[in-house]
Protein backbone atom coordinates (compact mmCIF):
# COMPACT_ATOMS: atom_id res chain seq x y z
CA MET A 1 -0.22 0.36 0.12
CA GLU A 2 1.14 3.53 -0.79
CA GLN A 3 2.30 4.94 2.15
CA GLU A 4 0.64 8.32 2.09
CA TYR A 5 -3.15 6.85 2.18
CA SER A 6 -4.40 5.93 5.33
CA ILE A 7 -7.56 3.81 3.76
CA VAL A 8 -7.65 2.83 0.26
CA ALA A 9 -10.84 1.28 -0.54
CA GLU A 10 -10.69 -1.18 -3.95
CA ASN A 11 -14.10 -1.57 -5.71
CA ILE A 12 -16.11 -2.46 -2.73
CA SER A 13 -19.56 -3.80 -2.65
CA MET A 14 -22.01 -4.46 0.21
CA HIS A 15 -25.34 -7.02 -0.44
CA PHE A 16 -27.78 -7.95 2.01
CA ASN A 17 -29.89 -10.63 1.81
CA MET A 18 -34.20 -9.38 2.19
CA ALA A 19 -37.24 -11.46 2.59
CA SER A 20 -38.92 -10.83 -0.26
CA GLU A 21 -42.34 -10.68 1.55
CA ARG A 22 -43.32 -9.64 4.79
CA LEU A 23 -43.72 -12.59 7.65
CA GLU A 24 -46.14 -12.16 10.63
CA SER A 25 -44.20 -14.28 13.54
CA LEU A 26 -40.81 -16.38 14.08
CA LYS A 27 -43.21 -18.68 13.46
CA GLU A 28 -44.09 -18.83 10.06
CA TYR A 29 -40.34 -17.76 8.95
CA PHE A 30 -39.12 -21.28 10.28
CA ILE A 31 -42.25 -22.58 8.58
CA LYS A 32 -41.44 -21.26 5.33
CA LEU A 33 -37.52 -21.90 5.85
CA LEU A 34 -38.79 -25.88 5.86
CA LYS A 35 -40.57 -26.02 3.11
CA ARG A 36 -37.92 -23.82 1.37
CA GLN A 37 -40.51 -20.94 0.57
CA LEU A 38 -38.91 -18.38 2.10
CA PHE A 39 -37.19 -16.50 -0.54
CA PHE A 40 -34.80 -13.11 -0.58
CA LYS A 41 -33.75 -10.68 -3.04
CA ASP A 42 -30.71 -8.65 -2.95
CA PHE A 43 -30.11 -5.47 -1.52
CA VAL A 44 -26.92 -3.95 -3.08
CA ALA A 45 -25.68 -1.00 -0.15
CA VAL A 46 -22.94 -0.12 -1.54
CA ASN A 47 -21.60 -0.84 -5.44
CA ASP A 48 -18.35 -0.67 -6.95
CA VAL A 49 -16.94 1.99 -5.09
CA SER A 50 -13.25 2.87 -5.08
CA PHE A 51 -11.38 6.13 -3.39
CA LYS A 52 -8.23 6.77 -1.86
CA ILE A 53 -8.37 9.18 1.82
CA LYS A 54 -4.76 10.32 2.49
CA LYS A 55 -3.01 10.84 5.64
CA GLY A 56 -4.02 13.66 7.97
CA GLU A 57 -6.39 14.23 5.36
CA VAL A 58 -10.68 15.40 6.67
CA PHE A 59 -12.45 13.01 4.30
CA GLY A 60 -16.59 13.64 4.32
CA ILE A 61 -19.26 11.03 2.69
CA VAL A 62 -22.72 12.76 1.89
CA GLY A 63 -25.40 11.28 0.51
CA THR A 64 -29.75 11.40 1.04
CA ASN A 65 -31.22 8.64 2.90
CA GLY A 66 -30.10 4.92 2.61
CA SER A 67 -27.68 5.49 0.08
CA GLY A 68 -25.00 3.81 2.04
CA LYS A 69 -22.66 6.24 3.67
CA SER A 70 -22.94 4.58 7.28
CA THR A 71 -22.68 1.18 5.31
CA THR A 72 -19.34 2.20 3.57
CA LEU A 73 -18.25 3.11 7.32
CA LYS A 74 -18.84 0.25 8.73
CA MET A 75 -16.78 -1.47 6.05
CA ILE A 76 -13.35 0.70 6.96
CA SER A 77 -14.32 0.37 10.59
CA GLY A 78 -13.95 -3.75 9.61
CA ILE A 79 -17.57 -3.68 11.27
CA LEU A 80 -18.58 -5.26 8.12
CA LYS A 81 -16.79 -7.09 5.70
CA PRO A 82 -17.26 -5.92 2.07
CA THR A 83 -19.50 -8.63 -0.06
CA SER A 84 -16.48 -8.20 -2.63
CA GLY A 85 -13.36 -5.23 -2.89
CA LYS A 86 -10.66 -4.73 -0.52
CA ILE A 87 -10.46 -2.58 1.82
CA THR A 88 -6.81 -1.68 3.42
CA ILE A 89 -6.29 0.21 6.08
CA ASN A 90 -2.93 1.93 7.69
CA GLY A 91 -3.11 2.78 11.54
CA ASN A 92 -5.42 2.62 14.47
CA ILE A 93 -9.34 2.93 13.94
CA ALA A 94 -11.51 5.22 16.64
CA PRO A 95 -14.56 4.94 15.48
CA LEU A 96 -17.85 6.68 16.55
CA ILE A 97 -20.45 4.84 14.40
CA GLU A 98 -23.50 4.06 16.34
CA LEU A 99 -24.83 6.52 18.82
CA GLY A 100 -24.69 3.79 22.54
CA ALA A 101 -22.22 1.35 20.44
CA GLY A 102 -20.14 -0.14 23.35
CA PHE A 103 -22.20 0.65 26.21
CA ASP A 104 -24.43 -1.32 28.31
CA GLY A 105 -27.51 0.62 29.51
CA GLU A 106 -27.77 -0.73 32.67
CA LEU A 107 -24.44 0.55 34.04
CA THR A 108 -23.30 3.74 35.17
CA ALA A 109 -21.66 6.39 33.19
CA ARG A 110 -18.40 6.13 35.45
CA GLU A 111 -18.52 2.12 34.47
CA ASN A 112 -19.46 2.46 31.11
CA ILE A 113 -16.51 4.60 30.58
CA TYR A 114 -14.13 1.31 31.74
CA LEU A 115 -16.14 -0.66 29.49
CA ASN A 116 -16.17 1.41 26.05
CA GLY A 117 -12.53 2.07 26.85
CA ALA A 118 -11.57 -1.49 26.93
CA VAL A 119 -13.77 -2.21 23.36
CA LEU A 120 -11.43 0.34 21.95
CA GLY A 121 -8.54 -0.89 23.48
CA TYR A 122 -7.53 0.77 26.02
CA SER A 123 -5.83 -0.31 29.32
CA LYS A 124 -7.67 0.03 32.81
CA LYS A 125 -4.59 1.91 33.75
CA TYR A 126 -4.95 4.16 30.79
CA ILE A 127 -8.33 5.17 31.80
CA ASP A 128 -7.33 5.83 35.23
CA GLU A 129 -5.23 8.19 33.91
CA HIS A 130 -6.98 9.55 31.57
CA PHE A 131 -10.58 9.36 33.37
CA ASP A 132 -10.89 13.33 34.80
CA GLN A 133 -9.72 14.28 31.29
CA ILE A 134 -12.80 12.23 29.54
CA VAL A 135 -15.20 13.29 32.38
CA ASP A 136 -14.30 17.24 32.16
CA PHE A 137 -14.23 16.82 28.16
CA ALA A 138 -17.99 15.41 28.60
CA GLU A 139 -18.88 17.52 31.29
CA LEU A 140 -21.20 15.14 33.17
CA ARG A 141 -19.28 14.70 36.33
CA ASP A 142 -22.65 15.39 38.22
CA PHE A 143 -24.47 12.50 36.39
CA LEU A 144 -21.37 9.92 36.59
CA ASP A 145 -22.94 7.29 38.96
CA MET A 146 -26.51 7.62 36.97
CA PRO A 147 -27.47 4.19 35.04
CA ILE A 148 -26.37 5.38 31.09
CA LYS A 149 -29.99 3.88 29.66
CA ASN A 150 -31.61 7.09 31.95
CA TYR A 151 -29.10 9.58 29.73
CA SER A 152 -30.13 11.83 26.81
CA SER A 153 -28.97 11.05 23.25
CA GLY A 154 -26.62 14.22 23.41
CA MET A 155 -25.29 13.17 26.84
CA VAL A 156 -24.43 9.68 25.32
CA ALA A 157 -22.36 11.20 22.28
CA ARG A 158 -20.92 13.49 24.67
CA ILE A 159 -19.23 10.55 26.73
CA ALA A 160 -18.73 8.71 23.64
CA PHE A 161 -16.73 11.56 21.89
CA ALA A 162 -14.31 12.18 24.93
CA ILE A 163 -13.70 8.40 25.30
CA ALA A 164 -12.87 7.70 21.93
CA THR A 165 -10.57 10.89 21.43
CA VAL A 166 -9.14 11.01 24.31
CA ILE A 167 -6.52 9.45 22.23
CA THR A 168 -4.94 11.10 18.75
CA PRO A 169 -6.09 7.88 16.90
CA ASP A 170 -4.20 7.21 13.15
CA ILE A 171 -8.19 7.10 11.99
CA LEU A 172 -11.26 8.62 13.48
CA ILE A 173 -14.42 7.50 11.92
CA VAL A 174 -17.71 10.04 12.84
CA ASP A 175 -21.07 9.25 11.54
CA GLU A 176 -23.91 12.02 12.16
CA ILE A 177 -22.92 12.13 16.04
CA LEU A 178 -21.44 15.50 15.61
CA SER A 179 -25.35 16.30 14.62
CA VAL A 180 -26.39 15.43 18.05
CA GLY A 181 -26.58 17.82 21.32
CA ASP A 182 -26.30 21.33 21.66
CA PHE A 183 -24.55 23.95 19.52
CA LEU A 184 -21.99 24.33 22.24
CA PHE A 185 -20.58 20.90 22.15
CA GLN A 186 -21.23 20.55 18.65
CA GLU A 187 -18.40 23.55 18.83
CA LYS A 188 -16.40 22.11 20.88
CA CYS A 189 -16.33 18.77 19.18
CA GLU A 190 -15.09 20.53 16.00
CA LYS A 191 -12.25 22.21 17.86
CA ARG A 192 -11.63 19.00 19.09
CA ILE A 193 -11.15 17.94 15.29
CA ASN A 194 -9.19 20.76 14.65
CA GLU A 195 -6.43 19.37 17.27
CA LEU A 196 -6.58 16.06 15.78
CA MET A 197 -5.96 17.27 12.08
CA GLU A 198 -3.35 19.02 13.38
CA GLY A 199 -2.02 15.76 15.24
CA GLY A 200 -1.64 14.25 11.43
CA THR A 201 -4.85 12.23 12.66
CA THR A 202 -7.05 11.26 9.64
CA ILE A 203 -10.89 11.64 9.56
CA VAL A 204 -13.71 10.48 7.97
CA ILE A 205 -17.23 11.92 8.84
CA VAL A 206 -20.51 11.30 7.47
CA SER A 207 -22.64 14.10 8.11
CA HIS A 208 -26.21 15.72 6.77
CA THR A 209 -25.12 19.04 7.93
CA ILE A 210 -23.56 20.29 4.71
CA ALA A 211 -22.24 23.29 6.60
CA GLN A 212 -20.47 21.18 8.96
CA ILE A 213 -18.97 19.18 6.13
CA GLU A 214 -17.39 22.39 4.65
CA ARG A 215 -16.33 23.76 6.94
CA LEU A 216 -14.15 20.78 8.23
CA CYS A 217 -13.33 18.61 4.84
CA ASP A 218 -10.38 18.64 2.55
CA ARG A 219 -12.10 16.53 -0.17
CA VAL A 220 -15.62 15.02 -0.49
CA MET A 221 -17.39 11.95 -1.79
CA TRP A 222 -21.04 11.48 -2.95
CA ILE A 223 -22.69 8.72 -2.77
CA GLU A 224 -26.45 7.93 -4.16
CA LYS A 225 -27.88 4.60 -3.73
CA GLY A 226 -25.11 2.75 -3.22
CA ASN A 227 -23.10 4.22 -6.14
CA LEU A 228 -20.43 6.75 -6.22
CA LYS A 229 -21.81 10.12 -7.43
CA MET A 230 -18.88 12.24 -7.44
CA LEU A 231 -15.51 12.54 -5.74
CA GLY A 232 -13.54 15.52 -5.53
CA GLU A 233 -13.14 18.82 -3.88
CA THR A 234 -15.10 19.65 -1.06
CA SER A 235 -17.03 23.27 -2.49
CA GLU A 236 -17.76 21.32 -5.85
CA VAL A 237 -18.61 18.24 -4.27
CA CYS A 238 -21.01 20.16 -1.85
CA LYS A 239 -22.24 22.73 -4.55
CA ALA A 240 -23.55 19.85 -6.65
CA TYR A 241 -24.94 17.78 -3.78
CA LYS A 242 -27.29 21.04 -2.82
CA ASN A 243 -28.28 21.26 -6.07
CA ILE A 244 -30.40 18.35 -6.26
CA ALA A 245 -32.36 19.98 -3.49
CA ASN A 246 -33.10 22.82 -5.84
CA SER A 247 -33.51 20.33 -8.98
């Protein structure tokens, strides 16, 4: 792999099998399965997409709902394996993809900091040393011993972002998490992203907030219904993408 790139995706596709009819119960599912009357249709979430992301680049992905943006991030993060094609990663990844992933709702925020840190590969000693830094960033010290199931989505986002960015990862994957919470928290996250950029972190962002993409990203990829529509400079791609709203 060319060492100047953090991520190289070569002709990646992701297919899912979807039931071709609606089944009302698990019993009906197994009956049809045993009778070999269960049929599926092939759903192509991402179709033969290729791109390269340079080290230290902030790379945005845009597209309408259901276009394959989050699926692409999951393939980059290793959560999903492409049905075909290849993704090469150079460095460690801190993924912020599904809000609350890696958390246990019955545990307190304090306990979840250690749990989620372990999922991301941090040792207990490392979390001990950076615990106050995480809590101070999240600004939730008064709620540390509350079960996280009682947190709002914005509060969960604060904790997740604080844990994922307490180190300087090689690659940070962010899926819509910056659109959760109040504007002051969003500004704080953007400031932290700028600090990571200065530290050489490669950042991949999916967001429906085009102004945010325009502020943060060096280049943007637009995918629509699983297909690569456009890839290039942020201003050019965002302008073309915004034009679909007026067409």
